[in-house]
Amino acid sequence: MPDARHPAPGSETATDAALLLRAFAAAAPRPLTMADLRQAGVAMPGQTLYELQLTGYRITRVYGRDAGHRRLMLGYRLD
């Protein structure tokens, strides 16, 4: 399995991957939104999440319910 020292070999977004992994580690177990990831310095959070998934990281979407009991996405979490 990949680790934080080698986030995504050959990836153009290796720096983004390292920033994203650090943000997940700091926020655990709270899910992070795209805005949280951008604030952490990740320039392309969607692409970086996808690339990390391709390299073997398990990133899940976290859902909750609003006041009307409708399902809504809370963010992403590294498992």
Protein backbone atom coordinates (compact mmCIF):
# COMPACT_ATOMS: atom_id res chain seq x y z
CA MET A 1 0.00 0.00 0.00
CA PRO A 2 1.26 3.53 -0.72
CA ASP A 3 2.37 5.79 2.10
CA ALA A 4 2.75 9.52 2.75
CA ARG A 5 6.43 9.49 1.71
CA HIS A 6 5.49 8.21 -1.76
CA PRO A 7 1.95 9.51 -2.36
CA ALA A 8 1.45 8.90 -6.07
CA PRO A 9 4.49 7.80 -8.08
CA GLY A 10 4.71 9.60 -11.40
CA SER A 11 1.86 11.92 -10.51
CA GLU A 12 1.88 15.56 -11.49
CA THR A 13 0.08 16.28 -8.22
CA ALA A 14 2.50 14.60 -5.81
CA THR A 15 2.65 17.79 -3.73
CA ASP A 16 -1.15 17.97 -3.64
CA ALA A 17 -1.23 14.31 -2.60
CA ALA A 18 1.13 14.95 0.31
CA LEU A 19 -0.92 17.98 1.40
CA LEU A 20 -4.15 16.00 1.14
CA LEU A 21 -2.78 13.11 3.21
CA ARG A 22 -1.56 15.55 5.87
CA ALA A 23 -4.99 17.20 5.98
CA PHE A 24 -6.69 13.82 6.44
CA ALA A 25 -4.27 12.89 9.22
CA ALA A 26 -4.89 16.18 11.04
CA ALA A 27 -8.68 15.96 10.72
CA ALA A 28 -9.17 12.26 11.53
CA PRO A 29 -11.82 10.98 11.97
CA ARG A 30 -13.75 14.08 10.80
CA PRO A 31 -14.58 14.08 7.08
CA LEU A 32 -13.16 16.87 4.92
CA THR A 33 -15.00 18.85 2.28
CA MET A 34 -13.49 20.07 -0.98
CA ALA A 35 -13.32 23.53 0.60
CA ASP A 36 -11.36 22.09 3.55
CA LEU A 37 -8.91 20.47 1.16
CA ARG A 38 -8.45 23.69 -0.84
CA GLN A 39 -7.88 25.58 2.41
CA ALA A 40 -5.19 23.01 3.28
CA GLY A 41 -3.40 24.03 0.07
CA VAL A 42 -4.55 21.25 -2.28
CA ALA A 43 -4.91 22.97 -5.66
CA MET A 44 -6.87 20.17 -7.37
CA PRO A 45 -8.63 18.18 -4.62
CA GLY A 46 -10.93 16.16 -6.89
CA GLN A 47 -8.15 15.00 -9.17
CA THR A 48 -5.89 14.29 -6.21
CA LEU A 49 -8.55 12.19 -4.45
CA TYR A 50 -9.03 10.19 -7.64
CA GLU A 51 -5.29 9.65 -8.16
CA LEU A 52 -4.82 8.48 -4.57
CA GLN A 53 -7.69 6.02 -5.01
CA LEU A 54 -6.00 4.69 -8.15
CA THR A 55 -2.79 4.10 -6.19
CA GLY A 56 -4.59 2.07 -3.51
CA TYR A 57 -5.79 4.50 -0.85
CA ARG A 58 -9.30 3.84 0.46
CA ILE A 59 -11.10 7.18 0.45
CA THR A 60 -14.78 7.06 1.27
CA ARG A 61 -17.61 9.54 1.00
CA VAL A 62 -19.28 10.32 4.31
CA TYR A 63 -23.02 11.03 4.36
CA GLY A 64 -25.38 12.46 6.96
CA ARG A 65 -28.95 13.74 7.16
CA ASP A 66 -30.26 17.29 7.22
CA ALA A 67 -33.21 18.55 9.30
CA GLY A 68 -35.62 17.24 6.65
CA HIS A 69 -33.99 13.79 6.86
CA ARG A 70 -32.58 14.14 3.36
CA ARG A 71 -29.25 12.50 2.70
CA LEU A 72 -26.36 14.87 2.14
CA MET A 73 -22.67 14.41 1.61
CA LEU A 74 -20.55 15.63 4.50
CA GLY A 75 -17.17 15.10 2.88
CA TYR A 76 -14.39 12.56 2.37
CA ARG A 77 -12.46 10.43 4.83
CA LEU A 78 -9.32 8.33 4.48
CA ASP A 79 -9.94 4.79 5.75
